[in-house]
């Protein structure tokens, strides 16, 4: 797969993943510091449990919530349209393409 296709493919996969994932603003909540929970907060004030996570992973999960999908996909597409292709963008696209269904 050429680099431009890799960027566009990664953008498509990020968007598909976000579409089937719990939406909202993901935040780390919970009562125990050693077992924090990721909770999605919706615009209407509702909440939905996303996942339990261990202490070191909860912040990572919250930071990469579906709110990141749109700007990340837009960046990947913009990078695909620029010549020369930014090697950093290609690296991100390749990692995402390897990890996303």
PDB file of N, CA and C in Angstrom:
ATOM      1  N   UNK A   1       0.859  -1.170   0.000  1.00  0.00           N
ATOM      2  CA  UNK A   1       0.000   0.000   0.000  1.00  0.00           C
ATOM      3  C   UNK A   1       0.908   1.236   0.000  1.00  0.00           C
ATOM      4  N   UNK A   2       0.636   2.185  -0.891  1.00  0.00           N
ATOM      5  CA  UNK A   2       1.452   3.405  -0.922  1.00  0.00           C
ATOM      6  C   UNK A   2       1.109   4.294   0.266  1.00  0.00           C
ATOM      7  N   UNK A   3       1.958   5.275   0.528  1.00  0.00           N
ATOM      8  CA  UNK A   3       1.825   6.102   1.733  1.00  0.00           C
ATOM      9  C   UNK A   3       0.511   6.889   1.751  1.00  0.00           C
ATOM     10  N   UNK A   4       0.110   7.451   0.622  1.00  0.00           N
ATOM     11  CA  UNK A   4      -1.143   8.206   0.580  1.00  0.00           C
ATOM     12  C   UNK A   4      -2.345   7.330   0.893  1.00  0.00           C
ATOM     13  N   UNK A   5      -2.348   6.123   0.346  1.00  0.00           N
ATOM     14  CA  UNK A   5      -3.421   5.176   0.636  1.00  0.00           C
ATOM     15  C   UNK A   5      -3.407   4.789   2.113  1.00  0.00           C
ATOM     16  N   UNK A   6      -2.215   4.630   2.680  1.00  0.00           N
ATOM     17  CA  UNK A   6      -2.109   4.303   4.112  1.00  0.00           C
ATOM     18  C   UNK A   6      -2.723   5.397   4.971  1.00  0.00           C
ATOM     19  N   UNK A   7      -2.477   6.653   4.617  1.00  0.00           N
ATOM     20  CA  UNK A   7      -3.054   7.772   5.383  1.00  0.00           C
ATOM     21  C   UNK A   7      -4.574   7.762   5.301  1.00  0.00           C
ATOM     22  N   UNK A   8      -5.106   7.607   4.093  1.00  0.00           N
ATOM     23  CA  UNK A   8      -6.566   7.612   3.930  1.00  0.00           C
ATOM     24  C   UNK A   8      -7.212   6.386   4.586  1.00  0.00           C
ATOM     25  N   UNK A   9      -6.558   5.239   4.501  1.00  0.00           N
ATOM     26  CA  UNK A   9      -7.071   4.023   5.125  1.00  0.00           C
ATOM     27  C   UNK A   9      -7.117   4.177   6.638  1.00  0.00           C
ATOM     28  N   UNK A  10      -6.051   4.722   7.217  1.00  0.00           N
ATOM     29  CA  UNK A  10      -6.027   4.940   8.669  1.00  0.00           C
ATOM     30  C   UNK A  10      -7.136   5.894   9.086  1.00  0.00           C
ATOM     31  N   UNK A  11      -7.346   6.958   8.318  1.00  0.00           N
ATOM     32  CA  UNK A  11      -8.414   7.911   8.633  1.00  0.00           C
ATOM     33  C   UNK A  11      -9.774   7.221   8.611  1.00  0.00           C
ATOM     34  N   UNK A  12     -10.017   6.394   7.610  1.00  0.00           N
ATOM     35  CA  UNK A  12     -11.286   5.667   7.512  1.00  0.00           C
ATOM     36  C   UNK A  12     -11.468   4.725   8.698  1.00  0.00           C
ATOM     37  N   UNK A  13     -10.394   4.035   9.099  1.00  0.00           N
ATOM     38  CA  UNK A  13     -10.492   3.087  10.209  1.00  0.00           C
ATOM     39  C   UNK A  13     -10.744   3.795  11.533  1.00  0.00           C
ATOM     40  N   UNK A  14     -10.109   4.945  11.733  1.00  0.00           N
ATOM     41  CA  UNK A  14     -10.351   5.717  12.962  1.00  0.00           C
ATOM     42  C   UNK A  14     -11.820   6.129  13.034  1.00  0.00           C
ATOM     43  N   UNK A  15     -12.359   6.601  11.925  1.00  0.00           N
ATOM     44  CA  UNK A  15     -13.758   7.022  11.919  1.00  0.00           C
ATOM     45  C   UNK A  15     -14.708   5.851  12.166  1.00  0.00           C
ATOM     46  N   UNK A  16     -14.443   4.691  11.554  1.00  0.00           N
ATOM     47  CA  UNK A  16     -15.298   3.514  11.781  1.00  0.00           C
ATOM     48  C   UNK A  16     -15.238   3.076  13.241  1.00  0.00           C
ATOM     49  N   UNK A  17     -14.045   3.100  13.818  1.00  0.00           N
ATOM     50  CA  UNK A  17     -13.888   2.728  15.221  1.00  0.00           C
ATOM     51  C   UNK A  17     -14.670   3.681  16.122  1.00  0.00           C
ATOM     52  N   UNK A  18     -14.552   4.981  15.865  1.00  0.00           N
ATOM     53  CA  UNK A  18     -15.264   5.976  16.676  1.00  0.00           C
ATOM     54  C   UNK A  18     -16.776   5.811  16.551  1.00  0.00           C
ATOM     55  N   UNK A  19     -17.250   5.446  15.372  1.00  0.00           N
ATOM     56  CA  UNK A  19     -18.689   5.304  15.151  1.00  0.00           C
ATOM     57  C   UNK A  19     -19.297   4.161  15.963  1.00  0.00           C
ATOM     58  N   UNK A  20     -18.511   3.132  16.265  1.00  0.00           N
ATOM     59  CA  UNK A  20     -19.058   1.993  17.016  1.00  0.00           C
ATOM     60  C   UNK A  20     -18.639   1.988  18.482  1.00  0.00           C
ATOM     61  N   UNK A  21     -17.953   3.038  18.893  1.00  0.00           N
ATOM     62  CA  UNK A  21     -17.483   3.143  20.272  1.00  0.00           C
ATOM     63  C   UNK A  21     -18.407   4.070  21.050  1.00  0.00           C
ATOM     64  N   UNK A  22     -18.470   3.875  22.351  1.00  0.00           N
ATOM     65  CA  UNK A  22     -19.261   4.765  23.200  1.00  0.00           C
ATOM     66  C   UNK A  22     -18.835   6.203  22.959  1.00  0.00           C
ATOM     67  N   UNK A  23     -19.780   7.060  22.627  1.00  0.00           N
ATOM     68  CA  UNK A  23     -19.475   8.464  22.357  1.00  0.00           C
ATOM     69  C   UNK A  23     -19.402   9.293  23.628  1.00  0.00           C
ATOM     70  N   UNK A  24     -19.246  10.580  23.451  1.00  0.00           N
ATOM     71  CA  UNK A  24     -19.210  11.501  24.588  1.00  0.00           C
ATOM     72  C   UNK A  24     -17.801  11.879  24.985  1.00  0.00           C
ATOM     73  N   UNK A  25     -17.714  12.646  26.048  1.00  0.00           N
ATOM     74  CA  UNK A  25     -16.435  13.091  26.601  1.00  0.00           C
ATOM     75  C   UNK A  25     -15.990  12.052  27.618  1.00  0.00           C
ATOM     76  N   UNK A  26     -14.958  11.291  27.283  1.00  0.00           N
ATOM     77  CA  UNK A  26     -14.493  10.251  28.195  1.00  0.00           C
ATOM     78  C   UNK A  26     -13.662  10.865  29.295  1.00  0.00           C
ATOM     79  N   UNK A  27     -13.956  10.478  30.539  1.00  0.00           N
ATOM     80  CA  UNK A  27     -13.195  10.962  31.691  1.00  0.00           C
ATOM     81  C   UNK A  27     -12.901   9.799  32.624  1.00  0.00           C
ATOM     82  N   UNK A  28     -11.795   9.925  33.340  1.00  0.00           N
ATOM     83  CA  UNK A  28     -11.444   8.920  34.333  1.00  0.00           C
ATOM     84  C   UNK A  28     -12.171   9.273  35.622  1.00  0.00           C
ATOM     85  N   UNK A  29     -13.026   8.371  36.093  1.00  0.00           N
ATOM     86  CA  UNK A  29     -13.792   8.528  37.323  1.00  0.00           C
ATOM     87  C   UNK A  29     -13.585   7.280  38.171  1.00  0.00           C
ATOM     88  N   UNK A  30     -14.256   7.214  39.257  1.00  0.00           N
ATOM     89  CA  UNK A  30     -14.224   6.023  40.086  1.00  0.00           C
ATOM     90  C   UNK A  30     -13.737   6.326  41.483  1.00  0.00           C
ATOM     91  N   UNK A  31     -13.964   5.380  42.353  1.00  0.00           N
ATOM     92  CA  UNK A  31     -13.648   5.574  43.757  1.00  0.00           C
ATOM     93  C   UNK A  31     -12.262   5.089  44.141  1.00  0.00           C
ATOM     94  N   UNK A  32     -11.730   4.127  43.430  1.00  0.00           N
ATOM     95  CA  UNK A  32     -10.441   3.559  43.782  1.00  0.00           C
ATOM     96  C   UNK A  32      -9.375   4.006  42.792  1.00  0.00           C
ATOM     97  N   UNK A  33      -8.282   4.582  43.277  1.00  0.00           N
ATOM     98  CA  UNK A  33      -7.209   5.048  42.402  1.00  0.00           C
ATOM     99  C   UNK A  33      -6.559   3.903  41.648  1.00  0.00           C
ATOM    100  N   UNK A  34      -6.555   2.719  42.235  1.00  0.00           N
ATOM    101  CA  UNK A  34      -5.916   1.582  41.581  1.00  0.00           C
ATOM    102  C   UNK A  34      -6.811   0.903  40.551  1.00  0.00           C
ATOM    103  N   UNK A  35      -8.087   1.247  40.534  1.00  0.00           N
ATOM    104  CA  UNK A  35      -9.020   0.694  39.544  1.00  0.00           C
ATOM    105  C   UNK A  35      -9.960   1.779  39.045  1.00  0.00           C
ATOM    106  N   UNK A  36      -9.422   2.797  38.412  1.00  0.00           N
ATOM    107  CA  UNK A  36     -10.299   3.848  37.901  1.00  0.00           C
ATOM    108  C   UNK A  36     -11.180   3.322  36.771  1.00  0.00           C
ATOM    109  N   UNK A  37     -12.258   4.002  36.543  1.00  0.00           N
ATOM    110  CA  UNK A  37     -13.174   3.643  35.475  1.00  0.00           C
ATOM    111  C   UNK A  37     -13.233   4.777  34.466  1.00  0.00           C
ATOM    112  N   UNK A  38     -13.434   4.439  33.218  1.00  0.00           N
ATOM    113  CA  UNK A  38     -13.611   5.436  32.178  1.00  0.00           C
ATOM    114  C   UNK A  38     -15.111   5.560  31.949  1.00  0.00           C
ATOM    115  N   UNK A  39     -15.603   6.788  32.078  1.00  0.00           N
ATOM    116  CA  UNK A  39     -17.029   7.056  31.960  1.00  0.00           C
ATOM    117  C   UNK A  39     -17.239   8.088  30.867  1.00  0.00           C
ATOM    118  N   UNK A  40     -18.179   7.812  29.975  1.00  0.00           N
ATOM    119  CA  UNK A  40     -18.528   8.751  28.908  1.00  0.00           C
ATOM    120  C   UNK A  40     -19.609   9.689  29.427  1.00  0.00           C
ATOM    121  N   UNK A  41     -19.359  10.988  29.290  1.00  0.00           N
ATOM    122  CA  UNK A  41     -20.307  12.020  29.690  1.00  0.00           C
ATOM    123  C   UNK A  41     -20.911  12.618  28.421  1.00  0.00           C
ATOM    124  N   UNK A  42     -22.216  12.500  28.277  1.00  0.00           N
ATOM    125  CA  UNK A  42     -22.869  13.010  27.071  1.00  0.00           C
ATOM    126  C   UNK A  42     -23.287  14.468  27.260  1.00  0.00           C
ATOM    127  N   UNK A  43     -23.601  15.124  26.148  1.00  0.00           N
ATOM    128  CA  UNK A  43     -23.975  16.536  26.163  1.00  0.00           C
ATOM    129  C   UNK A  43     -25.232  16.788  26.995  1.00  0.00           C
ATOM    130  N   UNK A  44     -26.116  15.786  27.099  1.00  0.00           N
ATOM    131  CA  UNK A  44     -27.354  15.977  27.861  1.00  0.00           C
ATOM    132  C   UNK A  44     -27.174  15.717  29.360  1.00  0.00           C
ATOM    133  N   UNK A  45     -25.924  15.484  29.785  1.00  0.00           N
ATOM    134  CA  UNK A  45     -25.638  15.274  31.194  1.00  0.00           C
ATOM    135  C   UNK A  45     -25.622  13.823  31.625  1.00  0.00           C
ATOM    136  N   UNK A  46     -26.016  12.929  30.737  1.00  0.00           N
ATOM    137  CA  UNK A  46     -26.000  11.507  31.059  1.00  0.00           C
ATOM    138  C   UNK A  46     -24.585  10.951  31.057  1.00  0.00           C
ATOM    139  N   UNK A  47     -24.446   9.808  31.677  1.00  0.00           N
ATOM    140  CA  UNK A  47     -23.149   9.131  31.696  1.00  0.00           C
ATOM    141  C   UNK A  47     -23.336   7.670  31.319  1.00  0.00           C
ATOM    142  N   UNK A  48     -22.259   7.086  30.807  1.00  0.00           N
ATOM    143  CA  UNK A  48     -22.260   5.676  30.466  1.00  0.00           C
ATOM    144  C   UNK A  48     -20.883   5.113  30.765  1.00  0.00           C
ATOM    145  N   UNK A  49     -20.860   3.987  31.468  1.00  0.00           N
ATOM    146  CA  UNK A  49     -19.596   3.335  31.794  1.00  0.00           C
ATOM    147  C   UNK A  49     -18.938   2.849  30.503  1.00  0.00           C
ATOM    148  N   UNK A  50     -17.690   3.213  30.280  1.00  0.00           N
ATOM    149  CA  UNK A  50     -16.966   2.780  29.086  1.00  0.00           C
ATOM    150  C   UNK A  50     -16.180   1.516  29.379  1.00  0.00           C
ATOM    151  N   UNK A  51     -15.362   1.551  30.368  1.00  0.00           N
ATOM    152  CA  UNK A  51     -14.551   0.377  30.704  1.00  0.00           C
ATOM    153  C   UNK A  51     -13.850   0.602  32.031  1.00  0.00           C
ATOM    154  N   UNK A  52     -13.552  -0.468  32.675  1.00  0.00           N
ATOM    155  CA  UNK A  52     -12.671  -0.367  33.833  1.00  0.00           C
ATOM    156  C   UNK A  52     -11.249  -0.440  33.288  1.00  0.00           C
ATOM    157  N   UNK A  53     -10.365   0.269  33.944  1.00  0.00           N
ATOM    158  CA  UNK A  53      -8.979   0.257  33.474  1.00  0.00           C
ATOM    159  C   UNK A  53      -8.053   0.305  34.666  1.00  0.00           C
ATOM    160  N   UNK A  54      -6.884  -0.216  34.482  1.00  0.00           N
ATOM    161  CA  UNK A  54      -5.882  -0.144  35.537  1.00  0.00           C
ATOM    162  C   UNK A  54      -5.312   1.264  35.601  1.00  0.00           C
ATOM    163  N   UNK A  55      -4.682   1.551  36.695  1.00  0.00           N
ATOM    164  CA  UNK A  55      -4.182   2.900  36.988  1.00  0.00           C
ATOM    165  C   UNK A  55      -3.403   3.524  35.834  1.00  0.00           C
ATOM    166  N   UNK A  56      -2.529   2.786  35.178  1.00  0.00           N
ATOM    167  CA  UNK A  56      -1.669   3.378  34.141  1.00  0.00           C
ATOM    168  C   UNK A  56      -2.344   3.481  32.785  1.00  0.00           C
ATOM    169  N   UNK A  57      -3.457   2.821  32.580  1.00  0.00           N
ATOM    170  CA  UNK A  57      -4.082   2.853  31.260  1.00  0.00           C
ATOM    171  C   UNK A  57      -5.297   3.755  31.156  1.00  0.00           C
ATOM    172  N   UNK A  58      -5.899   4.106  32.267  1.00  0.00           N
ATOM    173  CA  UNK A  58      -7.143   4.880  32.223  1.00  0.00           C
ATOM    174  C   UNK A  58      -6.951   6.229  31.544  1.00  0.00           C
ATOM    175  N   UNK A  59      -5.891   6.928  31.854  1.00  0.00           N
ATOM    176  CA  UNK A  59      -5.661   8.236  31.240  1.00  0.00           C
ATOM    177  C   UNK A  59      -5.422   8.100  29.742  1.00  0.00           C
ATOM    178  N   UNK A  60      -4.715   7.058  29.343  1.00  0.00           N
ATOM    179  CA  UNK A  60      -4.459   6.808  27.915  1.00  0.00           C
ATOM    180  C   UNK A  60      -5.776   6.587  27.177  1.00  0.00           C
ATOM    181  N   UNK A  61      -6.634   5.750  27.754  1.00  0.00           N
ATOM    182  CA  UNK A  61      -7.922   5.478  27.125  1.00  0.00           C
ATOM    183  C   UNK A  61      -8.743   6.760  27.016  1.00  0.00           C
ATOM    184  N   UNK A  62      -8.785   7.538  28.092  1.00  0.00           N
ATOM    185  CA  UNK A  62      -9.562   8.781  28.074  1.00  0.00           C
ATOM    186  C   UNK A  62      -8.996   9.788  27.074  1.00  0.00           C
ATOM    187  N   UNK A  63      -7.670   9.863  26.969  1.00  0.00           N
ATOM    188  CA  UNK A  63      -7.047  10.809  26.037  1.00  0.00           C
ATOM    189  C   UNK A  63      -7.352  10.459  24.587  1.00  0.00           C
ATOM    190  N   UNK A  64      -7.531   9.187  24.304  1.00  0.00           N
ATOM    191  CA  UNK A  64      -7.793   8.747  22.937  1.00  0.00           C
ATOM    192  C   UNK A  64      -9.261   8.427  22.721  1.00  0.00           C
ATOM    193  N   UNK A  65     -10.115   9.195  23.367  1.00  0.00           N
ATOM    194  CA  UNK A  65     -11.551   8.986  23.220  1.00  0.00           C
ATOM    195  C   UNK A  65     -11.993   9.304  21.793  1.00  0.00           C
ATOM    196  N   UNK A  66     -13.221   8.944  21.430  1.00  0.00           N
ATOM    197  CA  UNK A  66     -13.714   9.229  20.092  1.00  0.00           C
ATOM    198  C   UNK A  66     -13.680  10.709  19.719  1.00  0.00           C
ATOM    199  N   UNK A  67     -13.547  11.605  20.692  1.00  0.00           N
ATOM    200  CA  UNK A  67     -13.432  13.031  20.376  1.00  0.00           C
ATOM    201  C   UNK A  67     -12.184  13.310  19.531  1.00  0.00           C
ATOM    202  N   UNK A  68     -11.198  12.422  19.589  1.00  0.00           N
ATOM    203  CA  UNK A  68      -9.975  12.586  18.810  1.00  0.00           C
ATOM    204  C   UNK A  68     -10.139  12.127  17.361  1.00  0.00           C
ATOM    205  N   UNK A  69     -11.130  11.328  17.083  1.00  0.00           N
ATOM    206  CA  UNK A  69     -11.275  10.722  15.758  1.00  0.00           C
ATOM    207  C   UNK A  69     -11.393  11.743  14.631  1.00  0.00           C
ATOM    208  N   UNK A  70     -12.263  12.735  14.778  1.00  0.00           N
ATOM    209  CA  UNK A  70     -12.476  13.696  13.682  1.00  0.00           C
ATOM    210  C   UNK A  70     -11.222  14.503  13.368  1.00  0.00           C
ATOM    211  N   UNK A  71     -10.554  15.126  14.368  1.00  0.00           N
ATOM    212  CA  UNK A  71      -9.349  15.873  14.010  1.00  0.00           C
ATOM    213  C   UNK A  71      -8.204  14.982  13.552  1.00  0.00           C
ATOM    214  N   UNK A  72      -8.091  13.775  14.100  1.00  0.00           N
ATOM    215  CA  UNK A  72      -7.037  12.871  13.664  1.00  0.00           C
ATOM    216  C   UNK A  72      -7.270  12.428  12.219  1.00  0.00           C
ATOM    217  N   UNK A  73      -8.499  12.058  11.913  1.00  0.00           N
ATOM    218  CA  UNK A  73      -8.828  11.664  10.539  1.00  0.00           C
ATOM    219  C   UNK A  73      -8.618  12.833   9.574  1.00  0.00           C
ATOM    220  N   UNK A  74      -9.011  14.043   9.981  1.00  0.00           N
ATOM    221  CA  UNK A  74      -8.799  15.225   9.127  1.00  0.00           C
ATOM    222  C   UNK A  74      -7.318  15.478   8.897  1.00  0.00           C
ATOM    223  N   UNK A  75      -6.498  15.326   9.955  1.00  0.00           N
ATOM    224  CA  UNK A  75      -5.056  15.517   9.823  1.00  0.00           C
ATOM    225  C   UNK A  75      -4.451  14.484   8.878  1.00  0.00           C
ATOM    226  N   UNK A  76      -4.861  13.226   9.029  1.00  0.00           N
ATOM    227  CA  UNK A  76      -4.346  12.180   8.152  1.00  0.00           C
ATOM    228  C   UNK A  76      -4.707  12.455   6.694  1.00  0.00           C
ATOM    229  N   UNK A  77      -5.943  12.894   6.460  1.00  0.00           N
ATOM    230  CA  UNK A  77      -6.353  13.211   5.081  1.00  0.00           C
ATOM    231  C   UNK A  77      -5.596  14.424   4.539  1.00  0.00           C
ATOM    232  N   UNK A  78      -5.420  15.447   5.377  1.00  0.00           N
ATOM    233  CA  UNK A  78      -4.656  16.628   4.946  1.00  0.00           C
ATOM    234  C   UNK A  78      -3.210  16.238   4.643  1.00  0.00           C
ATOM    235  N   UNK A  79      -2.642  15.387   5.476  1.00  0.00           N
ATOM    236  CA  UNK A  79      -1.264  14.938   5.247  1.00  0.00           C
ATOM    237  C   UNK A  79      -1.166  14.141   3.951  1.00  0.00           C
ATOM    238  N   UNK A  80      -2.190  13.375   3.633  1.00  0.00           N
ATOM    239  CA  UNK A  80      -2.185  12.586   2.399  1.00  0.00           C
ATOM    240  C   UNK A  80      -2.218  13.464   1.161  1.00  0.00           C
ATOM    241  N   UNK A  81      -2.756  14.674   1.295  1.00  0.00           N
ATOM    242  CA  UNK A  81      -2.877  15.587   0.156  1.00  0.00           C
ATOM    243  C   UNK A  81      -1.645  16.461  -0.039  1.00  0.00           C
ATOM    244  N   UNK A  82      -0.700  16.405   0.886  1.00  0.00           N
ATOM    245  CA  UNK A  82       0.494  17.253   0.822  1.00  0.00           C
ATOM    246  C   UNK A  82       1.668  16.471   0.246  1.00  0.00           C
ATOM    247  N   UNK A  83       2.386  17.077  -0.652  1.00  0.00           N
ATOM    248  CA  UNK A  83       3.629  16.485  -1.162  1.00  0.00           C
ATOM    249  C   UNK A  83       4.772  17.384  -0.760  1.00  0.00           C
ATOM    250  N   UNK A  84       5.845  16.867  -0.233  1.00  0.00           N
ATOM    251  CA  UNK A  84       6.037  15.451   0.067  1.00  0.00           C
ATOM    252  C   UNK A  84       5.241  15.052   1.309  1.00  0.00           C
ATOM    253  N   UNK A  85       4.931  13.771   1.394  1.00  0.00           N
ATOM    254  CA  UNK A  85       4.200  13.271   2.550  1.00  0.00           C
ATOM    255  C   UNK A  85       5.071  13.374   3.795  1.00  0.00           C
ATOM    256  N   UNK A  86       4.483  13.852   4.870  1.00  0.00           N
ATOM    257  CA  UNK A  86       5.205  13.966   6.137  1.00  0.00           C
ATOM    258  C   UNK A  86       5.476  12.566   6.678  1.00  0.00           C
ATOM    259  N   UNK A  87       6.742  12.224   6.931  1.00  0.00           N
ATOM    260  CA  UNK A  87       7.046  10.877   7.414  1.00  0.00           C
ATOM    261  C   UNK A  87       6.371  10.552   8.743  1.00  0.00           C
ATOM    262  N   UNK A  88       6.177  11.554   9.598  1.00  0.00           N
ATOM    263  CA  UNK A  88       5.503  11.322  10.876  1.00  0.00           C
ATOM    264  C   UNK A  88       4.049  10.904  10.657  1.00  0.00           C
ATOM    265  N   UNK A  89       3.392  11.562   9.722  1.00  0.00           N
ATOM    266  CA  UNK A  89       1.999  11.224   9.425  1.00  0.00           C
ATOM    267  C   UNK A  89       1.904   9.816   8.853  1.00  0.00           C
ATOM    268  N   UNK A  90       2.835   9.477   7.991  1.00  0.00           N
ATOM    269  CA  UNK A  90       2.846   8.130   7.417  1.00  0.00           C
ATOM    270  C   UNK A  90       3.079   7.091   8.514  1.00  0.00           C
ATOM    271  N   UNK A  91       3.964   7.391   9.458  1.00  0.00           N
ATOM    272  CA  UNK A  91       4.221   6.464  10.563  1.00  0.00           C
ATOM    273  C   UNK A  91       2.969   6.259  11.405  1.00  0.00           C
ATOM    274  N   UNK A  92       2.283   7.351  11.736  1.00  0.00           N
ATOM    275  CA  UNK A  92       1.043   7.246  12.509  1.00  0.00           C
ATOM    276  C   UNK A  92       0.024   6.427  11.730  1.00  0.00           C
ATOM    277  N   UNK A  93      -0.122   6.696  10.451  1.00  0.00           N
ATOM    278  CA  UNK A  93      -1.088   5.973   9.625  1.00  0.00           C
ATOM    279  C   UNK A  93      -0.776   4.482   9.581  1.00  0.00           C
ATOM    280  N   UNK A  94       0.471   4.157   9.457  1.00  0.00           N
ATOM    281  CA  UNK A  94       0.846   2.730   9.396  1.00  0.00           C
ATOM    282  C   UNK A  94       0.575   2.022  10.729  1.00  0.00           C
ATOM    283  N   UNK A  95       0.893   2.691  11.850  1.00  0.00           N
ATOM    284  CA  UNK A  95       0.615   2.083  13.157  1.00  0.00           C
ATOM    285  C   UNK A  95      -0.888   1.900  13.330  1.00  0.00           C
ATOM    286  N   UNK A  96      -1.668   2.933  12.998  1.00  0.00           N
ATOM    287  CA  UNK A  96      -3.115   2.831  13.117  1.00  0.00           C
ATOM    288  C   UNK A  96      -3.662   1.738  12.207  1.00  0.00           C
ATOM    289  N   UNK A  97      -3.157   1.657  10.994  1.00  0.00           N
ATOM    290  CA  UNK A  97      -3.632   0.640  10.058  1.00  0.00           C
ATOM    291  C   UNK A  97      -3.330  -0.763  10.565  1.00  0.00           C
ATOM    292  N   UNK A  98      -2.219  -0.924  11.247  1.00  0.00           N
ATOM    293  CA  UNK A  98      -1.865  -2.240  11.816  1.00  0.00           C
ATOM    294  C   UNK A  98      -2.730  -2.601  13.012  1.00  0.00           C
ATOM    295  N   UNK A  99      -3.232  -1.603  13.735  1.00  0.00           N
ATOM    296  CA  UNK A  99      -3.928  -1.863  14.997  1.00  0.00           C
ATOM    297  C   UNK A  99      -5.446  -1.766  14.895  1.00  0.00           C
ATOM    298  N   UNK A 100      -5.962  -1.029  13.934  1.00  0.00           N
ATOM    299  CA  UNK A 100      -7.411  -0.836  13.837  1.00  0.00           C
ATOM    300  C   UNK A 100      -8.020  -1.858  12.871  1.00  0.00           C
ATOM    301  N   UNK A 101      -9.195  -2.364  13.220  1.00  0.00           N
ATOM    302  CA  UNK A 101      -9.846  -3.357  12.332  1.00  0.00           C
ATOM    303  C   UNK A 101     -10.304  -2.726  11.042  1.00  0.00           C
TER     304      UNK A 101
END
